[in-house]
N, C-alpha and C. Protein backbone atom coordinates (compact mmCIF):
# COMPACT_ATOMS: atom_id res chain seq x y z
N LEU A 1 0.79 -1.15 -0.14
CA LEU A 1 -0.11 -0.03 0.11
C LEU A 1 0.96 1.29 0.08
N ARG A 2 0.94 1.99 -1.02
CA ARG A 2 1.96 3.02 -1.22
C ARG A 2 1.07 4.36 -1.29
N SER A 3 -0.34 4.37 -1.44
CA SER A 3 -0.98 5.65 -1.31
C SER A 3 -2.40 5.31 -1.17
N ILE A 4 -2.94 6.52 -0.52
CA ILE A 4 -4.51 6.39 -0.30
C ILE A 4 -5.10 7.62 -1.04
N GLN A 5 -6.33 7.55 -1.61
CA GLN A 5 -6.89 8.74 -2.27
C GLN A 5 -8.39 8.76 -1.58
N GLY A 6 -8.86 9.81 -0.91
CA GLY A 6 -9.93 9.91 -0.42
C GLY A 6 -10.53 11.38 -0.59
N SER A 7 -11.75 11.47 0.21
CA SER A 7 -12.42 12.79 0.21
C SER A 7 -13.14 12.78 1.52
N HIS A 8 -13.04 14.22 2.01
CA HIS A 8 -13.60 14.57 3.23
C HIS A 8 -14.30 15.90 3.02
N GLU A 9 -15.37 16.23 3.80
CA GLU A 9 -16.08 17.43 3.48
C GLU A 9 -15.31 18.70 4.11
N ALA A 10 -14.36 18.44 5.32
CA ALA A 10 -13.50 19.41 5.65
C ALA A 10 -12.38 19.63 4.90
N LEU A 11 -11.76 18.62 4.07
CA LEU A 11 -10.39 18.72 3.67
C LEU A 11 -10.46 18.74 1.90
N GLY A 12 -11.87 18.27 1.54
CA GLY A 12 -11.79 18.00 0.06
C GLY A 12 -11.28 16.73 -0.37
N ASP A 13 -10.97 16.61 -1.72
CA ASP A 13 -10.25 15.61 -2.24
C ASP A 13 -8.76 15.50 -1.89
N PHE A 14 -8.27 14.26 -1.54
CA PHE A 14 -6.79 14.46 -1.03
C PHE A 14 -6.05 13.01 -1.27
N GLU A 15 -4.78 13.01 -1.31
CA GLU A 15 -3.91 11.75 -1.33
C GLU A 15 -2.94 11.74 -0.38
N LEU A 16 -2.85 10.59 0.25
CA LEU A 16 -1.90 10.24 1.44
C LEU A 16 -0.89 9.27 0.79
N ILE A 17 0.17 9.82 0.63
CA ILE A 17 1.39 8.98 0.02
C ILE A 17 2.14 8.31 1.26
N LEU A 18 2.60 6.92 0.90
CA LEU A 18 3.18 6.11 2.04
C LEU A 18 4.44 5.54 1.38
N PRO A 19 5.49 6.14 1.31
CA PRO A 19 6.73 5.68 0.80
C PRO A 19 7.15 4.51 1.57
N LYS A 20 8.10 3.84 0.91
CA LYS A 20 8.75 2.50 1.52
C LYS A 20 9.57 3.13 2.70
N VAL A 21 9.18 2.32 3.88
CA VAL A 21 10.07 2.57 5.14
C VAL A 21 11.54 2.26 4.85
N GLU A 22 12.62 2.99 5.37
CA GLU A 22 14.01 2.59 5.23
C GLU A 22 14.36 2.16 6.46
N SER A 23 14.54 0.78 6.40
CA SER A 23 15.06 -0.06 7.46
C SER A 23 15.67 -1.38 7.08
N SER A 24 16.58 -1.87 7.97
CA SER A 24 17.28 -3.11 7.48
C SER A 24 16.30 -4.30 7.49
N THR A 25 15.50 -4.29 8.12
CA THR A 25 14.50 -5.39 8.38
C THR A 25 12.92 -4.94 8.50
N GLN A 26 12.10 -5.26 7.85
CA GLN A 26 10.66 -4.66 7.96
C GLN A 26 9.78 -5.62 7.35
N LYS A 27 8.52 -5.38 7.63
CA LYS A 27 7.32 -6.11 7.12
C LYS A 27 6.18 -5.02 7.08
N GLU A 28 5.44 -5.11 6.11
CA GLU A 28 4.46 -4.11 5.94
C GLU A 28 3.09 -4.84 5.68
N SER A 29 1.81 -4.46 6.26
CA SER A 29 0.64 -4.96 5.87
C SER A 29 -0.43 -3.82 6.03
N TYR A 30 -1.58 -4.01 5.56
CA TYR A 30 -2.80 -3.04 5.67
C TYR A 30 -3.96 -3.67 5.87
N LEU A 31 -4.80 -2.85 6.13
CA LEU A 31 -6.33 -3.27 6.32
C LEU A 31 -7.19 -2.21 5.90
N VAL A 32 -8.04 -2.81 4.87
CA VAL A 32 -9.14 -1.82 4.42
C VAL A 32 -10.57 -2.44 4.82
N SER A 33 -11.23 -1.64 5.57
CA SER A 33 -12.55 -1.93 6.12
C SER A 33 -13.46 -0.86 6.39
N HIS A 34 -14.42 -1.12 7.10
CA HIS A 34 -15.54 -0.30 7.27
C HIS A 34 -15.84 -0.32 8.68
N ALA A 35 -16.10 0.84 9.49
CA ALA A 35 -16.55 1.03 10.78
C ALA A 35 -17.56 1.76 11.00
N LYS A 36 -18.84 1.46 11.57
CA LYS A 36 -20.12 2.07 11.57
C LYS A 36 -20.04 3.33 12.47
N GLN A 37 -19.02 3.33 13.60
CA GLN A 37 -18.83 4.34 14.44
C GLN A 37 -17.41 4.45 14.99
N LEU A 38 -17.12 5.61 15.67
CA LEU A 38 -15.72 5.78 16.04
C LEU A 38 -15.22 4.83 17.10
N ASP A 39 -16.19 4.56 18.13
CA ASP A 39 -16.06 3.60 19.01
C ASP A 39 -15.80 2.27 18.93
N LEU A 40 -16.01 1.84 17.50
CA LEU A 40 -15.72 0.43 16.96
C LEU A 40 -14.35 0.37 16.14
N LEU A 41 -13.69 1.26 16.22
CA LEU A 41 -12.31 1.33 15.48
C LEU A 41 -11.51 0.18 15.97
N LYS A 42 -11.31 0.24 17.21
CA LYS A 42 -10.36 -0.80 17.73
C LYS A 42 -10.89 -2.29 17.34
N ASP A 43 -12.26 -2.50 17.64
CA ASP A 43 -12.70 -3.76 17.28
C ASP A 43 -12.69 -4.26 15.92
N VAL A 44 -12.81 -3.19 14.91
CA VAL A 44 -12.59 -3.59 13.53
C VAL A 44 -11.18 -4.04 13.27
N VAL A 45 -10.04 -3.17 13.88
CA VAL A 45 -8.86 -3.48 13.63
C VAL A 45 -8.42 -4.92 14.11
N ILE A 46 -8.97 -5.38 15.37
CA ILE A 46 -8.77 -6.60 15.90
C ILE A 46 -9.29 -7.69 15.14
N ALA A 47 -10.59 -7.58 14.63
CA ALA A 47 -11.08 -8.48 13.70
C ALA A 47 -10.32 -8.72 12.29
N GLY A 48 -9.37 -7.71 12.12
CA GLY A 48 -8.87 -7.58 10.74
C GLY A 48 -7.51 -8.09 10.93
N MET A 49 -7.18 -8.70 11.92
CA MET A 49 -5.79 -8.99 12.20
C MET A 49 -5.59 -10.38 11.74
N ALA A 50 -4.28 -10.80 11.43
CA ALA A 50 -3.94 -12.24 10.89
C ALA A 50 -2.61 -12.51 11.69
N VAL A 51 -2.30 -13.81 11.72
CA VAL A 51 -0.97 -14.40 12.06
C VAL A 51 -0.30 -14.95 11.08
N GLU A 52 0.97 -14.27 10.88
CA GLU A 52 1.90 -14.82 9.46
C GLU A 52 3.34 -15.03 10.40
N ALA A 53 4.17 -15.64 9.35
CA ALA A 53 5.47 -15.92 9.66
C ALA A 53 6.25 -14.92 9.46
N TRP A 54 7.30 -14.56 10.58
CA TRP A 54 8.36 -13.57 10.25
C TRP A 54 9.41 -13.83 9.44
N ASP A 55 9.95 -15.07 9.60
CA ASP A 55 11.03 -15.50 8.99
C ASP A 55 10.77 -16.53 7.77
N LYS A 56 11.58 -16.68 6.94
CA LYS A 56 11.43 -17.88 5.97
C LYS A 56 11.18 -19.26 6.38
N ALA A 57 11.82 -19.64 7.47
CA ALA A 57 11.59 -20.91 8.03
C ALA A 57 10.16 -21.02 8.83
N ARG A 58 9.60 -19.97 8.92
CA ARG A 58 8.24 -20.06 9.66
C ARG A 58 8.21 -20.45 11.01
N THR A 59 9.19 -19.96 11.69
CA THR A 59 9.36 -20.34 13.12
C THR A 59 9.06 -19.08 14.08
N VAL A 60 8.98 -17.93 13.43
CA VAL A 60 8.81 -16.74 14.40
C VAL A 60 7.29 -16.10 13.85
N PRO A 61 6.10 -16.18 14.74
CA PRO A 61 5.00 -15.71 14.21
C PRO A 61 4.84 -14.08 14.71
N TYR A 62 3.98 -13.34 13.97
CA TYR A 62 3.96 -12.18 14.09
C TYR A 62 2.34 -11.72 13.51
N PHE A 63 2.00 -10.95 14.22
CA PHE A 63 0.54 -10.13 14.17
C PHE A 63 0.51 -9.17 12.84
N SER A 64 -0.04 -9.53 11.72
CA SER A 64 -0.22 -8.44 10.82
C SER A 64 -1.87 -8.16 10.39
N LEU A 65 -1.97 -7.27 9.31
CA LEU A 65 -3.11 -6.88 8.95
C LEU A 65 -3.65 -7.62 7.86
N ALA A 66 -4.90 -8.00 7.78
CA ALA A 66 -5.27 -9.06 6.71
C ALA A 66 -5.92 -8.35 5.29
N GLY A 67 -5.56 -7.22 4.90
CA GLY A 67 -5.81 -6.78 3.64
C GLY A 67 -7.19 -6.19 3.62
N ARG A 68 -7.98 -6.41 2.47
CA ARG A 68 -9.22 -5.93 2.13
C ARG A 68 -10.44 -6.72 3.07
N ARG A 69 -10.99 -6.24 3.93
CA ARG A 69 -12.05 -6.87 4.72
C ARG A 69 -13.31 -5.94 4.82
N VAL A 70 -13.98 -5.62 3.60
CA VAL A 70 -15.07 -4.80 3.62
C VAL A 70 -16.41 -5.52 3.77
N PRO A 71 -17.25 -5.31 4.38
CA PRO A 71 -18.53 -6.15 4.68
C PRO A 71 -19.17 -5.90 3.29
N ARG A 72 -20.20 -6.72 2.79
CA ARG A 72 -20.98 -6.66 1.66
C ARG A 72 -22.02 -5.69 1.70
N ASP A 73 -22.66 -5.62 2.95
CA ASP A 73 -23.54 -4.78 3.20
C ASP A 73 -23.42 -3.25 3.41
N VAL A 74 -22.30 -2.83 3.06
CA VAL A 74 -21.87 -1.25 3.09
C VAL A 74 -21.56 -0.98 1.72
N GLN A 75 -21.48 0.49 1.51
CA GLN A 75 -21.10 1.07 0.26
C GLN A 75 -19.82 0.97 -0.14
N GLY A 76 -18.95 1.04 0.93
CA GLY A 76 -17.53 1.00 0.47
C GLY A 76 -16.70 1.18 2.01
N PRO A 77 -15.45 1.22 1.79
CA PRO A 77 -14.45 1.30 3.04
C PRO A 77 -14.54 2.75 3.50
N ASN A 78 -14.46 2.88 4.84
CA ASN A 78 -14.07 4.27 5.30
C ASN A 78 -12.95 4.15 6.33
N LEU A 79 -12.21 3.07 6.47
CA LEU A 79 -11.10 2.90 7.22
C LEU A 79 -10.01 2.29 6.67
N ILE A 80 -8.96 2.77 6.59
CA ILE A 80 -7.71 2.18 6.11
C ILE A 80 -6.44 2.34 7.17
N VAL A 81 -5.95 1.23 7.55
CA VAL A 81 -5.05 1.04 8.57
C VAL A 81 -3.50 0.42 7.92
N LYS A 82 -2.41 1.10 8.09
CA LYS A 82 -1.21 0.67 7.49
C LYS A 82 -0.35 0.34 8.90
N GLN A 83 0.22 -1.01 8.73
CA GLN A 83 1.15 -1.38 9.84
C GLN A 83 2.52 -1.58 9.32
N VAL A 84 3.36 -0.90 9.82
CA VAL A 84 4.73 -1.09 9.66
C VAL A 84 5.51 -1.80 10.87
N THR A 85 6.19 -2.86 10.66
CA THR A 85 7.04 -3.58 11.67
C THR A 85 8.42 -3.56 11.30
N ALA A 86 9.45 -2.86 11.86
CA ALA A 86 10.50 -2.63 11.57
C ALA A 86 11.59 -2.73 12.68
N LYS A 87 12.86 -3.03 12.36
CA LYS A 87 13.98 -2.90 13.17
C LYS A 87 14.56 -1.35 13.26
N LEU A 88 14.66 -1.05 14.61
CA LEU A 88 15.27 0.15 14.86
C LEU A 88 16.72 0.31 14.65
N PRO A 89 17.21 1.51 14.05
CA PRO A 89 16.36 2.79 13.89
C PRO A 89 15.95 2.63 12.42
N PHE A 90 14.88 3.41 12.14
CA PHE A 90 14.13 3.35 10.86
C PHE A 90 13.54 4.78 10.57
N THR A 91 13.24 5.24 9.50
CA THR A 91 12.73 6.51 9.11
C THR A 91 11.24 6.11 8.19
N MET A 92 10.35 6.79 8.56
CA MET A 92 9.05 6.66 7.74
C MET A 92 8.56 7.93 7.45
N GLU A 93 8.26 8.28 6.30
CA GLU A 93 7.67 9.73 5.99
C GLU A 93 6.34 9.51 5.28
N VAL A 94 5.40 10.31 5.61
CA VAL A 94 4.08 10.20 5.20
C VAL A 94 3.68 11.42 4.73
N VAL A 95 3.29 11.64 3.38
CA VAL A 95 2.88 12.84 2.72
C VAL A 95 1.49 12.79 2.44
N PHE A 96 1.03 14.09 2.90
CA PHE A 96 -0.41 14.49 2.62
C PHE A 96 -0.54 15.56 1.53
N GLN A 97 -1.34 15.29 0.59
CA GLN A 97 -1.36 16.15 -0.60
C GLN A 97 -2.86 16.47 -0.83
N SER A 98 -3.35 17.77 -0.98
CA SER A 98 -4.65 18.09 -1.50
C SER A 98 -4.51 18.03 -2.92
N THR A 99 -5.44 17.49 -3.60
CA THR A 99 -5.66 17.24 -5.00
C THR A 99 -6.08 18.53 -5.70
N SER A 100 -6.58 19.53 -4.83
CA SER A 100 -7.19 20.86 -5.53
C SER A 100 -6.09 21.53 -5.68
N PHE A 101 -4.72 21.36 -5.32
CA PHE A 101 -3.53 22.20 -5.60
C PHE A 101 -3.19 21.81 -7.06
N ASN A 102 -3.25 22.91 -7.96
CA ASN A 102 -2.90 22.92 -9.32
C ASN A 102 -1.37 23.10 -9.54
N ASN A 103 -0.91 22.35 -10.55
CA ASN A 103 0.39 22.66 -10.97
C ASN A 103 1.53 22.54 -9.91
N ARG A 104 1.48 21.45 -9.24
CA ARG A 104 2.51 21.14 -8.09
C ARG A 104 3.72 20.76 -8.90
N GLN A 105 4.76 21.44 -8.49
CA GLN A 105 6.08 21.36 -9.05
C GLN A 105 6.81 20.31 -8.22
N ASN A 106 6.67 20.32 -6.92
CA ASN A 106 7.56 19.22 -6.23
C ASN A 106 6.62 18.74 -5.16
N GLN A 107 6.93 17.39 -4.81
CA GLN A 107 6.37 16.84 -3.68
C GLN A 107 7.08 17.26 -2.26
N LEU A 108 6.27 17.75 -1.55
CA LEU A 108 6.86 18.37 -0.19
C LEU A 108 7.38 17.26 0.69
N SER A 109 8.46 16.74 0.35
CA SER A 109 9.03 15.46 1.30
C SER A 109 10.66 15.46 1.12
N GLY A 110 11.07 14.65 1.83
CA GLY A 110 12.66 14.41 1.79
C GLY A 110 13.46 15.77 1.91
N ASN A 111 14.32 15.99 1.02
CA ASN A 111 15.21 17.08 1.08
C ASN A 111 14.64 18.41 0.93
N ILE A 112 13.47 18.37 -0.10
CA ILE A 112 12.63 19.60 -0.33
C ILE A 112 12.07 19.89 0.71
N PHE A 113 11.24 19.00 1.55
CA PHE A 113 10.70 19.54 2.94
C PHE A 113 11.57 20.20 3.81
N ALA A 114 12.75 19.33 4.06
CA ALA A 114 13.81 19.78 5.03
C ALA A 114 14.32 21.32 4.74
N SER A 115 14.52 21.47 3.23
CA SER A 115 14.87 22.85 2.85
C SER A 115 13.89 23.95 3.38
N VAL A 116 12.75 23.57 2.79
CA VAL A 116 11.36 24.48 3.19
C VAL A 116 11.37 24.67 4.65
N LEU A 117 11.47 23.66 5.40
CA LEU A 117 11.28 23.80 6.74
C LEU A 117 12.36 24.92 7.48
N GLU A 118 13.53 24.56 6.99
CA GLU A 118 14.62 25.33 7.60
C GLU A 118 14.47 26.78 7.15
N GLU A 119 14.09 27.14 6.08
CA GLU A 119 13.67 28.46 5.51
C GLU A 119 12.74 29.06 6.22
N ASN A 120 11.65 28.58 6.69
CA ASN A 120 10.53 29.02 7.47
C ASN A 120 10.96 29.03 8.99
N LYS A 121 11.84 28.21 9.40
CA LYS A 121 12.28 28.22 10.84
C LYS A 121 13.14 29.69 10.96
N LYS A 122 14.15 29.87 9.85
CA LYS A 122 14.92 30.99 9.92
C LYS A 122 14.08 32.34 9.84
N ASN A 123 12.90 32.23 9.10
CA ASN A 123 12.25 33.46 8.84
C ASN A 123 11.29 33.51 10.15
N PHE A 124 11.10 32.74 10.83
CA PHE A 124 10.34 32.80 12.19
C PHE A 124 11.29 33.42 13.26
N ARG A 125 12.64 32.84 13.27
CA ARG A 125 13.61 33.53 14.32
C ARG A 125 13.93 34.98 13.95
N ASP A 126 13.92 35.26 12.81
CA ASP A 126 14.18 36.60 12.42
C ASP A 126 13.24 37.56 12.71
N ARG A 127 11.96 37.08 12.53
CA ARG A 127 10.73 37.88 12.88
C ARG A 127 10.58 38.13 14.25
N PHE A 128 10.95 37.03 15.15
CA PHE A 128 11.00 36.95 16.54
C PHE A 128 11.88 37.76 17.18
N GLU A 129 13.09 37.84 16.73
CA GLU A 129 14.05 38.92 17.27
C GLU A 129 13.75 40.29 16.88
N LYS A 130 13.11 40.60 15.67
CA LYS A 130 12.91 41.90 15.29
C LYS A 130 11.68 42.48 16.05
N THR A 131 10.76 41.49 16.39
CA THR A 131 9.45 41.98 17.18
C THR A 131 9.87 42.16 18.73
N PHE A 132 10.53 41.07 19.10
CA PHE A 132 10.76 41.17 20.67
C PHE A 132 12.24 41.39 21.13
N LYS A 133 13.20 41.53 20.17
CA LYS A 133 14.50 41.88 20.43
C LYS A 133 15.16 41.20 21.79
N LEU A 134 14.88 40.19 21.87
CA LEU A 134 15.50 39.54 23.29
C LEU A 134 17.03 39.22 23.19
N GLU A 135 17.54 38.96 22.01
CA GLU A 135 18.93 38.67 21.85
C GLU A 135 19.65 39.92 22.06
N GLN A 136 18.99 41.07 21.67
CA GLN A 136 19.41 42.48 21.80
C GLN A 136 19.36 42.87 23.32
N LYS A 137 18.48 42.43 24.07
CA LYS A 137 18.48 42.62 25.51
C LYS A 137 19.29 41.73 26.33
N GLY A 138 19.94 40.78 25.82
CA GLY A 138 20.81 40.22 26.60
C GLY A 138 20.42 38.90 27.01
N TYR A 139 19.32 38.21 26.41
CA TYR A 139 18.96 37.04 26.91
C TYR A 139 19.75 35.82 26.03
N ASN A 140 20.00 34.53 26.69
CA ASN A 140 20.96 33.66 25.98
C ASN A 140 19.92 32.77 25.05
N ASP A 141 20.45 32.01 24.35
CA ASP A 141 19.84 31.00 23.36
C ASP A 141 18.82 30.06 24.11
N LYS A 142 18.88 29.60 25.21
CA LYS A 142 18.26 28.83 25.91
C LYS A 142 16.85 29.44 26.15
N GLU A 143 16.90 30.63 26.91
CA GLU A 143 15.74 31.78 27.27
C GLU A 143 15.07 31.93 26.07
N ILE A 144 15.69 32.31 24.94
CA ILE A 144 15.19 32.73 23.61
C ILE A 144 14.38 31.69 23.00
N SER A 145 14.86 30.39 23.15
CA SER A 145 14.11 29.12 22.61
C SER A 145 12.90 28.95 23.40
N PHE A 146 12.98 29.27 24.78
CA PHE A 146 11.85 28.91 25.62
C PHE A 146 10.66 30.04 25.34
N ALA A 147 10.96 31.30 24.88
CA ALA A 147 10.29 32.33 24.75
C ALA A 147 9.53 32.04 23.29
N GLN A 148 10.32 31.55 22.36
CA GLN A 148 9.55 31.26 20.89
C GLN A 148 8.84 30.14 20.99
N ALA A 149 9.07 29.05 22.09
CA ALA A 149 8.04 27.88 22.26
C ALA A 149 6.77 28.46 22.97
N ALA A 150 6.90 29.42 23.86
CA ALA A 150 5.66 30.02 24.45
C ALA A 150 4.82 30.78 23.40
N LEU A 151 5.32 31.53 22.64
CA LEU A 151 4.64 32.28 21.57
C LEU A 151 3.91 31.32 20.62
N SER A 152 4.63 30.15 20.12
CA SER A 152 4.33 29.25 19.21
C SER A 152 3.07 28.38 19.84
N ASN A 153 2.99 28.20 21.22
CA ASN A 153 2.05 27.56 21.86
C ASN A 153 0.75 28.32 21.99
N MET A 154 1.01 29.67 22.25
CA MET A 154 -0.15 30.62 22.18
C MET A 154 -0.85 30.85 20.89
N ILE A 155 0.06 31.02 19.78
CA ILE A 155 -0.66 31.19 18.67
C ILE A 155 -1.35 29.77 18.25
N GLY A 156 -0.70 28.78 18.41
CA GLY A 156 -1.19 27.35 18.26
C GLY A 156 -2.45 27.10 19.07
N GLY A 157 -2.80 27.84 19.99
CA GLY A 157 -4.02 27.58 20.74
C GLY A 157 -5.19 28.35 20.27
N ILE A 158 -4.94 29.01 19.13
CA ILE A 158 -6.09 29.66 18.69
C ILE A 158 -6.96 28.89 18.00
N GLY A 159 -8.26 29.07 18.06
CA GLY A 159 -9.12 28.17 17.54
C GLY A 159 -10.53 28.81 16.99
N TYR A 160 -11.22 28.23 16.10
CA TYR A 160 -12.50 28.66 15.76
C TYR A 160 -13.58 27.99 16.16
N PHE A 161 -14.74 28.57 16.95
CA PHE A 161 -15.64 27.63 17.40
C PHE A 161 -16.96 28.02 16.91
N TYR A 162 -18.18 27.35 16.94
CA TYR A 162 -19.32 27.74 16.60
C TYR A 162 -20.31 26.91 17.45
N GLY A 163 -21.36 27.74 17.86
CA GLY A 163 -22.39 27.09 18.89
C GLY A 163 -23.14 28.17 19.75
N SER A 164 -23.78 27.69 20.86
CA SER A 164 -24.38 28.59 21.80
C SER A 164 -23.59 28.59 23.10
N SER A 165 -23.40 29.77 23.52
CA SER A 165 -22.98 29.96 25.00
C SER A 165 -23.85 29.65 26.07
N LEU A 166 -23.54 28.94 27.20
CA LEU A 166 -24.30 28.97 28.33
C LEU A 166 -24.05 30.33 29.23
N VAL A 167 -25.18 30.94 29.57
CA VAL A 167 -25.11 32.35 30.06
C VAL A 167 -26.07 32.36 31.32
N MET A 168 -25.38 32.82 32.61
CA MET A 168 -25.91 32.89 33.62
C MET A 168 -26.46 34.30 34.02
N SER A 169 -27.68 34.52 34.30
CA SER A 169 -28.09 36.03 34.76
C SER A 169 -29.02 36.15 36.00
N ALA A 170 -28.87 37.27 36.46
CA ALA A 170 -29.80 37.51 37.71
C ALA A 170 -31.30 37.17 37.26
N HIS A 171 -31.59 37.35 36.12
CA HIS A 171 -33.02 37.04 35.72
C HIS A 171 -33.24 35.83 35.42
N ASN A 172 -32.48 34.62 35.45
CA ASN A 172 -32.74 33.35 35.25
C ASN A 172 -32.26 32.53 36.44
N LYS A 173 -32.99 31.49 36.78
CA LYS A 173 -32.57 30.64 37.89
C LYS A 173 -31.41 29.62 37.38
N GLU A 174 -31.47 29.30 36.24
CA GLU A 174 -30.50 28.30 35.59
C GLU A 174 -29.99 28.85 34.25
N PRO A 175 -28.69 28.32 33.95
CA PRO A 175 -28.09 29.11 32.65
C PRO A 175 -29.01 28.86 31.45
N VAL A 176 -29.00 29.73 30.46
CA VAL A 176 -29.66 29.59 29.12
C VAL A 176 -28.79 29.81 28.11
N ASN A 177 -29.11 29.32 26.95
CA ASN A 177 -28.23 29.22 25.77
C ASN A 177 -28.43 30.58 25.14
N TYR A 178 -27.22 31.27 24.60
CA TYR A 178 -27.20 32.38 23.91
C TYR A 178 -27.56 32.08 22.44
N TRP A 179 -27.55 33.00 21.39
CA TRP A 179 -27.78 32.49 20.03
C TRP A 179 -26.56 31.84 19.67
N GLU A 180 -26.92 30.98 18.33
CA GLU A 180 -25.63 30.56 17.96
C GLU A 180 -24.70 31.58 17.22
N ALA A 181 -23.49 31.39 17.32
CA ALA A 181 -22.63 32.46 16.85
C ALA A 181 -21.01 31.76 16.75
N PRO A 182 -20.25 32.48 15.84
CA PRO A 182 -18.81 32.02 15.69
C PRO A 182 -18.14 32.62 16.86
N LEU A 183 -16.90 31.97 17.06
CA LEU A 183 -16.02 32.74 17.99
C LEU A 183 -14.52 32.36 17.61
N TYR A 184 -13.69 33.11 17.33
CA TYR A 184 -12.53 33.01 16.95
C TYR A 184 -11.50 33.61 18.07
N THR A 185 -10.89 32.59 18.92
CA THR A 185 -10.27 32.96 20.10
C THR A 185 -9.21 32.01 20.36
N ALA A 186 -8.17 32.68 21.18
CA ALA A 186 -7.29 31.60 21.99
C ALA A 186 -7.83 31.05 23.17
N VAL A 187 -7.27 29.88 23.58
CA VAL A 187 -8.02 29.19 24.65
C VAL A 187 -6.96 29.25 25.96
N PRO A 188 -7.30 29.08 27.03
CA PRO A 188 -6.36 29.09 28.41
C PRO A 188 -5.58 27.84 28.46
N SER A 189 -6.02 26.76 27.85
CA SER A 189 -5.41 25.44 27.94
C SER A 189 -5.95 24.37 27.02
N ARG A 190 -5.33 24.02 25.86
CA ARG A 190 -5.90 23.00 24.93
C ARG A 190 -6.23 21.66 25.54
N PRO A 191 -5.68 21.14 26.39
CA PRO A 191 -5.97 20.02 27.08
C PRO A 191 -7.07 20.08 28.18
N PHE A 192 -6.98 21.04 29.03
CA PHE A 192 -7.62 21.16 30.17
C PHE A 192 -8.71 22.31 30.03
N PHE A 193 -8.76 23.23 29.14
CA PHE A 193 -9.81 24.37 29.27
C PHE A 193 -9.78 24.77 27.60
N PRO A 194 -10.19 23.72 26.86
CA PRO A 194 -10.18 24.09 25.34
C PRO A 194 -11.56 24.80 24.76
N ARG A 195 -11.64 25.96 25.32
CA ARG A 195 -12.72 26.97 24.98
C ARG A 195 -12.31 28.40 25.34
N GLY A 196 -13.19 29.31 24.75
CA GLY A 196 -12.81 30.65 24.95
C GLY A 196 -13.25 31.21 26.46
N PHE A 197 -12.38 32.26 26.75
CA PHE A 197 -12.59 32.66 28.25
C PHE A 197 -12.18 34.10 28.00
N LEU A 198 -13.12 34.93 28.29
CA LEU A 198 -12.99 36.40 27.92
C LEU A 198 -11.74 36.99 28.80
N TRP A 199 -11.91 36.65 30.02
CA TRP A 199 -10.92 37.35 31.07
C TRP A 199 -9.45 36.87 30.66
N ASP A 200 -9.14 35.65 30.23
CA ASP A 200 -7.85 35.29 29.85
C ASP A 200 -7.54 36.00 28.46
N GLU A 201 -8.48 36.11 27.65
CA GLU A 201 -8.33 36.63 26.27
C GLU A 201 -7.44 38.04 26.12
N GLY A 202 -7.90 38.83 27.19
CA GLY A 202 -7.22 40.13 27.33
C GLY A 202 -5.78 39.88 27.47
N PHE A 203 -5.45 39.01 28.40
CA PHE A 203 -3.97 38.68 28.57
C PHE A 203 -3.20 38.09 27.32
N HIS A 204 -4.02 37.08 26.74
CA HIS A 204 -3.60 36.48 25.63
C HIS A 204 -3.16 37.47 24.62
N ASN A 205 -4.00 38.47 24.31
CA ASN A 205 -3.71 39.53 23.04
C ASN A 205 -2.65 40.60 23.59
N LEU A 206 -2.27 40.63 24.67
CA LEU A 206 -1.17 41.59 24.87
C LEU A 206 0.08 40.87 24.29
N LEU A 207 -0.04 39.65 24.22
CA LEU A 207 1.32 38.95 23.28
C LEU A 207 0.89 38.79 21.84
N ILE A 208 -0.29 38.38 21.52
CA ILE A 208 -0.72 38.10 20.29
C ILE A 208 -0.74 39.30 19.40
N SER A 209 -1.01 40.57 19.97
CA SER A 209 -1.02 41.79 19.19
C SER A 209 0.25 42.13 18.81
N MET A 210 1.37 41.98 19.69
CA MET A 210 2.68 42.26 19.45
C MET A 210 3.19 41.49 18.13
N TRP A 211 2.66 40.03 18.10
CA TRP A 211 3.21 39.55 16.97
C TRP A 211 2.43 39.74 15.72
N ASP A 212 1.08 39.74 15.90
CA ASP A 212 0.16 40.17 14.72
C ASP A 212 -1.13 40.85 15.08
N GLN A 213 -1.16 42.03 14.76
CA GLN A 213 -2.36 43.01 15.27
C GLN A 213 -3.64 42.63 14.28
N GLU A 214 -3.58 42.13 13.34
CA GLU A 214 -4.64 41.72 12.55
C GLU A 214 -5.23 40.47 13.29
N ILE A 215 -4.43 39.48 13.76
CA ILE A 215 -5.10 38.31 14.45
C ILE A 215 -5.77 38.80 15.85
N SER A 216 -5.26 39.78 16.52
CA SER A 216 -5.82 40.25 17.73
C SER A 216 -7.32 41.16 17.18
N LYS A 217 -7.32 41.84 16.20
CA LYS A 217 -8.45 42.49 15.68
C LYS A 217 -9.53 41.69 15.49
N ASP A 218 -9.24 40.58 14.77
CA ASP A 218 -10.25 39.54 14.37
C ASP A 218 -10.74 38.87 15.70
N ILE A 219 -9.94 38.59 16.74
CA ILE A 219 -10.46 37.94 17.85
C ILE A 219 -11.23 38.93 18.66
N ILE A 220 -11.04 40.10 18.76
CA ILE A 220 -11.78 41.08 19.66
C ILE A 220 -13.02 41.37 18.92
N GLY A 221 -13.10 41.22 17.48
CA GLY A 221 -14.31 41.44 16.92
C GLY A 221 -15.23 40.44 17.15
N HIS A 222 -14.61 39.28 16.95
CA HIS A 222 -15.63 38.15 17.33
C HIS A 222 -16.22 38.12 18.76
N TRP A 223 -15.33 38.39 19.84
CA TRP A 223 -15.86 38.79 21.30
C TRP A 223 -16.89 39.87 21.23
N MET A 224 -16.88 41.09 20.57
CA MET A 224 -17.86 41.98 20.55
C MET A 224 -19.04 41.46 20.07
N ASP A 225 -18.96 40.65 19.03
CA ASP A 225 -20.18 40.33 18.37
C ASP A 225 -21.08 39.36 19.39
N LEU A 226 -20.49 38.90 20.34
CA LEU A 226 -21.27 38.08 21.60
C LEU A 226 -22.01 38.97 22.41
N MET A 227 -21.73 40.40 22.34
CA MET A 227 -22.32 41.13 23.43
C MET A 227 -23.79 41.50 23.10
N ASN A 228 -24.54 41.40 24.21
CA ASN A 228 -25.97 41.50 24.23
C ASN A 228 -26.39 42.94 24.78
N VAL A 229 -26.23 43.89 23.66
CA VAL A 229 -26.59 45.27 24.24
C VAL A 229 -27.74 45.88 23.67
């Protein structure tokens, strides 16, 4: 299995390219199947496993995936699993490509990806120093790296939400739903508080606005749209 083509309402048409793993010893297998719901994924994968021989003498067994196992009563597969069993150390590169991108000159992988990544990392470091001037202020490389990670985490925590907010008021005994509305905002904590919080958002944007004022304007505009006046 070297590539997968599919379509998703949020991603459009796409292709997932799975180049061969670079390892001295390896075996690959895959499963193409159908899961009726997300909580059944593990059950579907276990049901699609098989026992094969690792060596030519067939003395060492190992668990692999059994290939195409699509039930006849469904329209088609919605689950593909690729298994790679390899001896350390090994490298594996997975390439995601949107098929809506026209005139693609190069596949973003290997040395091309590494080159583009290094170029963008340099651009980020240069812009970071120009914005915050930490090196100029005497901070060392370790402290600057920590600050860059903090900024990246803050920007990476910005999300887009849509739905109703629960609002408590002196006029209601229980919280009530606001109208449905979008909200573009940073969040206090992605794993523990993954939603907007107006109090924190003011502090968030003291930092965000120094990096990109347009992002802060967009965030503040979304919060102001939630005002009931």
